[in-house]
Amino acid sequence: MYWRLLLCGALLALWNCGNKPSISIQVFPALLAVDAKAPAPAGWERVEFAGSPRAAAGVYQVRPDTSLNEWSIIACRPVSPDQGGAGAAVRLNAYAKNKMEKFSTDPANIRNSVAVRINGRWADFIPVLDRISDRMVLYGFSEKEVKDLDQYLASR
């Protein structure tokens, strides 16, 4: 009897090893540094960014607490390249929706940015110009990463 439980547990553990997300997405609150040479405030990370169609090149200060990640996304569709580069229009789960609404309705956060990190790479810094609800567009993806996100959502 015990060997059956042990065997089932081992098989379940092996099966779960292969269920790692095929893509890692993290979104953090961020600020463009006023003084590029100054150290980041305590608890924040200093990130040099080359720039994008939406974000100026420069030094950004990124808060380490994640606002959302790949688990926060329940659906996505590719954004065509003529809209400013490869991106994904994503729909957020209820927890992420509430967190992003709270963040984006704080007047102190309007015109600040959110930093998008994809597979460990700082992909883009997107300015928050309006209230975020259950949908937002994340930029900085490669076409392969958009496909990986779509496949990840379909398989989980």
C-alpha atoms as a PDB file:
ATOM      1  CA  MET A   1       0.000   0.000   0.000  1.00  0.00           C
ATOM      2  CA  TYR A   2       2.726   2.483   0.962  1.00  0.00           C
ATOM      3  CA  TRP A   3       4.759   1.737  -2.134  1.00  0.00           C
ATOM      4  CA  ARG A   4       1.763   2.719  -4.304  1.00  0.00           C
ATOM      5  CA  LEU A   5       1.508   6.082  -2.568  1.00  0.00           C
ATOM      6  CA  LEU A   6       5.252   6.571  -2.881  1.00  0.00           C
ATOM      7  CA  LEU A   7       5.158   5.678  -6.581  1.00  0.00           C
ATOM      8  CA  CYS A   8       2.216   8.029  -7.228  1.00  0.00           C
ATOM      9  CA  GLY A   9       3.999  10.833  -5.357  1.00  0.00           C
ATOM     10  CA  ALA A  10       7.183  10.304  -7.387  1.00  0.00           C
ATOM     11  CA  LEU A  11       5.264  10.313 -10.678  1.00  0.00           C
ATOM     12  CA  LEU A  12       3.395  13.464  -9.685  1.00  0.00           C
ATOM     13  CA  ALA A  13       6.667  15.184  -8.739  1.00  0.00           C
ATOM     14  CA  LEU A  14       8.229  14.256 -12.089  1.00  0.00           C
ATOM     15  CA  TRP A  15       5.178  15.490 -13.971  1.00  0.00           C
ATOM     16  CA  ASN A  16       5.258  18.863 -12.155  1.00  0.00           C
ATOM     17  CA  CYS A  17       8.956  19.358 -12.972  1.00  0.00           C
ATOM     18  CA  GLY A  18       8.070  19.885 -16.623  1.00  0.00           C
ATOM     19  CA  ASN A  19       5.383  22.485 -15.877  1.00  0.00           C
ATOM     20  CA  LYS A  20       7.690  25.480 -15.555  1.00  0.00           C
ATOM     21  CA  PRO A  21       6.361  28.552 -17.350  1.00  0.00           C
ATOM     22  CA  SER A  22       7.829  28.877 -20.846  1.00  0.00           C
ATOM     23  CA  ILE A  23       8.004  32.632 -20.323  1.00  0.00           C
ATOM     24  CA  SER A  24       8.620  34.888 -17.348  1.00  0.00           C
ATOM     25  CA  ILE A  25       6.884  38.271 -17.237  1.00  0.00           C
ATOM     26  CA  GLN A  26       7.156  40.726 -14.377  1.00  0.00           C
ATOM     27  CA  VAL A  27       5.855  44.281 -14.105  1.00  0.00           C
ATOM     28  CA  PHE A  28       7.223  46.707 -11.505  1.00  0.00           C
ATOM     29  CA  PRO A  29       6.568  50.353 -10.563  1.00  0.00           C
ATOM     30  CA  ALA A  30       9.368  52.571 -11.929  1.00  0.00           C
ATOM     31  CA  LEU A  31      10.527  56.193 -12.073  1.00  0.00           C
ATOM     32  CA  LEU A  32      12.844  57.942 -14.506  1.00  0.00           C
ATOM     33  CA  ALA A  33      15.763  59.078 -12.341  1.00  0.00           C
ATOM     34  CA  VAL A  34      16.109  62.851 -12.038  1.00  0.00           C
ATOM     35  CA  ASP A  35      19.868  62.493 -11.521  1.00  0.00           C
ATOM     36  CA  ALA A  36      21.305  59.617 -13.570  1.00  0.00           C
ATOM     37  CA  LYS A  37      24.439  59.479 -11.412  1.00  0.00           C
ATOM     38  CA  ALA A  38      22.676  59.352  -8.064  1.00  0.00           C
ATOM     39  CA  PRO A  39      22.177  55.986  -6.382  1.00  0.00           C
ATOM     40  CA  ALA A  40      18.672  54.553  -6.267  1.00  0.00           C
ATOM     41  CA  PRO A  41      16.691  55.115  -3.061  1.00  0.00           C
ATOM     42  CA  ALA A  42      16.927  52.396  -0.425  1.00  0.00           C
ATOM     43  CA  GLY A  43      15.076  49.298  -1.573  1.00  0.00           C
ATOM     44  CA  TRP A  44      14.916  50.338  -5.240  1.00  0.00           C
ATOM     45  CA  GLU A  45      17.010  49.009  -8.134  1.00  0.00           C
ATOM     46  CA  ARG A  46      18.876  51.252 -10.568  1.00  0.00           C
ATOM     47  CA  VAL A  47      18.354  50.186 -14.219  1.00  0.00           C
ATOM     48  CA  GLU A  48      19.994  51.699 -17.310  1.00  0.00           C
ATOM     49  CA  PHE A  49      17.651  51.500 -20.295  1.00  0.00           C
ATOM     50  CA  ALA A  50      18.544  52.169 -23.951  1.00  0.00           C
ATOM     51  CA  GLY A  51      15.098  53.564 -24.778  1.00  0.00           C
ATOM     52  CA  SER A  52      12.087  52.479 -26.821  1.00  0.00           C
ATOM     53  CA  PRO A  53       9.274  54.129 -28.808  1.00  0.00           C
ATOM     54  CA  ARG A  54       7.438  54.688 -25.497  1.00  0.00           C
ATOM     55  CA  ALA A  55      10.243  55.353 -23.025  1.00  0.00           C
ATOM     56  CA  ALA A  56      13.169  57.730 -22.981  1.00  0.00           C
ATOM     57  CA  ALA A  57      16.667  56.330 -22.719  1.00  0.00           C
ATOM     58  CA  GLY A  58      18.165  56.844 -19.312  1.00  0.00           C
ATOM     59  CA  VAL A  59      18.398  55.545 -15.789  1.00  0.00           C
ATOM     60  CA  TYR A  60      15.238  54.283 -14.137  1.00  0.00           C
ATOM     61  CA  GLN A  61      14.602  53.449 -10.514  1.00  0.00           C
ATOM     62  CA  VAL A  62      12.581  50.251 -10.169  1.00  0.00           C
ATOM     63  CA  ARG A  63      10.725  49.237  -7.023  1.00  0.00           C
ATOM     64  CA  PRO A  64      11.388  45.549  -6.287  1.00  0.00           C
ATOM     65  CA  ASP A  65       7.814  44.483  -5.501  1.00  0.00           C
ATOM     66  CA  THR A  66       6.160  42.901  -8.519  1.00  0.00           C
ATOM     67  CA  SER A  67       2.837  44.432  -9.545  1.00  0.00           C
ATOM     68  CA  LEU A  68       1.997  41.488 -11.771  1.00  0.00           C
ATOM     69  CA  ASN A  69       3.568  38.445 -13.416  1.00  0.00           C
ATOM     70  CA  GLU A  70       2.696  35.763 -15.965  1.00  0.00           C
ATOM     71  CA  TRP A  71       0.211  34.193 -13.516  1.00  0.00           C
ATOM     72  CA  SER A  72      -1.698  37.494 -13.482  1.00  0.00           C
ATOM     73  CA  ILE A  73      -2.479  37.230 -17.201  1.00  0.00           C
ATOM     74  CA  ILE A  74      -5.526  35.224 -18.253  1.00  0.00           C
ATOM     75  CA  ALA A  75      -5.605  36.069 -21.976  1.00  0.00           C
ATOM     76  CA  CYS A  76      -3.516  37.861 -24.576  1.00  0.00           C
ATOM     77  CA  ARG A  77      -3.477  38.827 -28.209  1.00  0.00           C
ATOM     78  CA  PRO A  78      -0.545  40.132 -30.240  1.00  0.00           C
ATOM     79  CA  VAL A  79      -0.286  43.850 -30.926  1.00  0.00           C
ATOM     80  CA  SER A  80       0.663  44.587 -34.511  1.00  0.00           C
ATOM     81  CA  PRO A  81       4.123  46.072 -35.091  1.00  0.00           C
ATOM     82  CA  ASP A  82       2.660  49.263 -36.605  1.00  0.00           C
ATOM     83  CA  GLN A  83       1.396  50.130 -33.106  1.00  0.00           C
ATOM     84  CA  GLY A  84       4.895  50.703 -31.755  1.00  0.00           C
ATOM     85  CA  GLY A  85       6.697  47.375 -31.784  1.00  0.00           C
ATOM     86  CA  ALA A  86       5.943  43.850 -30.696  1.00  0.00           C
ATOM     87  CA  GLY A  87       3.604  43.715 -27.776  1.00  0.00           C
ATOM     88  CA  ALA A  88       0.731  41.883 -26.198  1.00  0.00           C
ATOM     89  CA  ALA A  89      -2.663  43.194 -25.194  1.00  0.00           C
ATOM     90  CA  VAL A  90      -3.317  41.275 -21.977  1.00  0.00           C
ATOM     91  CA  ARG A  91      -6.347  40.671 -19.790  1.00  0.00           C
ATOM     92  CA  LEU A  92      -5.607  40.511 -16.067  1.00  0.00           C
ATOM     93  CA  ASN A  93      -7.065  38.295 -13.372  1.00  0.00           C
ATOM     94  CA  ALA A  94      -9.083  39.906 -10.558  1.00  0.00           C
ATOM     95  CA  TYR A  95      -6.147  40.196  -8.147  1.00  0.00           C
ATOM     96  CA  ALA A  96      -3.886  41.914 -10.694  1.00  0.00           C
ATOM     97  CA  LYS A  97      -6.775  44.104 -11.902  1.00  0.00           C
ATOM     98  CA  ASN A  98      -7.364  45.401  -8.371  1.00  0.00           C
ATOM     99  CA  LYS A  99      -3.648  45.946  -7.797  1.00  0.00           C
ATOM    100  CA  MET A 100      -3.160  47.848 -11.078  1.00  0.00           C
ATOM    101  CA  GLU A 101      -6.346  49.906 -10.586  1.00  0.00           C
ATOM    102  CA  LYS A 102      -5.147  50.940  -7.129  1.00  0.00           C
ATOM    103  CA  PHE A 103      -1.706  51.823  -8.524  1.00  0.00           C
ATOM    104  CA  SER A 104      -3.025  53.767 -11.521  1.00  0.00           C
ATOM    105  CA  THR A 105      -5.649  55.764  -9.607  1.00  0.00           C
ATOM    106  CA  ASP A 106      -3.042  57.154  -7.198  1.00  0.00           C
ATOM    107  CA  PRO A 107      -2.269  60.663  -8.563  1.00  0.00           C
ATOM    108  CA  ALA A 108       1.382  60.238  -7.561  1.00  0.00           C
ATOM    109  CA  ASN A 109       1.750  57.385 -10.063  1.00  0.00           C
ATOM    110  CA  ILE A 110       0.211  59.091 -13.103  1.00  0.00           C
ATOM    111  CA  ARG A 111       2.916  59.849 -15.691  1.00  0.00           C
ATOM    112  CA  ASN A 112       5.324  57.511 -13.925  1.00  0.00           C
ATOM    113  CA  SER A 113       6.190  54.200 -15.538  1.00  0.00           C
ATOM    114  CA  VAL A 114       5.863  50.496 -15.074  1.00  0.00           C
ATOM    115  CA  ALA A 115       8.934  48.434 -15.913  1.00  0.00           C
ATOM    116  CA  VAL A 116       8.370  45.284 -17.950  1.00  0.00           C
ATOM    117  CA  ARG A 117      10.877  42.460 -17.502  1.00  0.00           C
ATOM    118  CA  ILE A 118      10.559  39.505 -19.891  1.00  0.00           C
ATOM    119  CA  ASN A 119      12.694  36.403 -19.301  1.00  0.00           C
ATOM    120  CA  GLY A 120      15.039  38.429 -17.069  1.00  0.00           C
ATOM    121  CA  ARG A 121      15.526  41.218 -19.647  1.00  0.00           C
ATOM    122  CA  TRP A 122      14.316  44.783 -19.073  1.00  0.00           C
ATOM    123  CA  ALA A 123      12.035  44.985 -22.102  1.00  0.00           C
ATOM    124  CA  ASP A 124      10.303  48.357 -21.770  1.00  0.00           C
ATOM    125  CA  PHE A 125       9.250  51.156 -19.441  1.00  0.00           C
ATOM    126  CA  ILE A 126       5.627  52.045 -20.150  1.00  0.00           C
ATOM    127  CA  PRO A 127       4.222  55.368 -18.890  1.00  0.00           C
ATOM    128  CA  VAL A 128       0.979  55.179 -16.928  1.00  0.00           C
ATOM    129  CA  LEU A 129      -1.208  57.855 -18.518  1.00  0.00           C
ATOM    130  CA  ASP A 130      -4.648  56.675 -17.468  1.00  0.00           C
ATOM    131  CA  ARG A 131      -6.461  54.302 -15.143  1.00  0.00           C
ATOM    132  CA  ILE A 132      -5.623  50.632 -15.771  1.00  0.00           C
ATOM    133  CA  SER A 133      -8.531  48.210 -15.443  1.00  0.00           C
ATOM    134  CA  ASP A 134      -8.501  44.554 -16.449  1.00  0.00           C
ATOM    135  CA  ARG A 135      -6.707  45.152 -19.749  1.00  0.00           C
ATOM    136  CA  MET A 136      -3.384  46.712 -20.661  1.00  0.00           C
ATOM    137  CA  VAL A 137      -0.780  46.531 -23.411  1.00  0.00           C
ATOM    138  CA  LEU A 138       2.704  45.319 -22.541  1.00  0.00           C
ATOM    139  CA  TYR A 139       5.475  46.163 -24.999  1.00  0.00           C
ATOM    140  CA  GLY A 140       9.038  45.011 -25.468  1.00  0.00           C
ATOM    141  CA  PHE A 141       8.278  41.459 -26.580  1.00  0.00           C
ATOM    142  CA  SER A 142       9.910  39.686 -29.466  1.00  0.00           C
ATOM    143  CA  GLU A 143       7.471  37.903 -31.777  1.00  0.00           C
ATOM    144  CA  LYS A 144       8.657  34.586 -30.306  1.00  0.00           C
ATOM    145  CA  GLU A 145       7.954  35.796 -26.759  1.00  0.00           C
ATOM    146  CA  VAL A 146       4.394  36.767 -27.725  1.00  0.00           C
ATOM    147  CA  LYS A 147       3.899  33.248 -29.130  1.00  0.00           C
ATOM    148  CA  ASP A 148       5.454  31.752 -25.972  1.00  0.00           C
ATOM    149  CA  LEU A 149       3.019  33.733 -23.816  1.00  0.00           C
ATOM    150  CA  ASP A 150       0.071  32.602 -25.906  1.00  0.00           C
ATOM    151  CA  GLN A 151       1.194  28.952 -25.701  1.00  0.00           C
ATOM    152  CA  TYR A 152       1.812  29.266 -21.959  1.00  0.00           C
ATOM    153  CA  LEU A 153      -1.705  30.613 -21.385  1.00  0.00           C
ATOM    154  CA  ALA A 154      -3.227  27.860 -23.532  1.00  0.00           C
ATOM    155  CA  SER A 155      -1.382  25.098 -21.682  1.00  0.00           C
ATOM    156  CA  ARG A 156      -1.776  26.020 -18.039  1.00  0.00           C
END
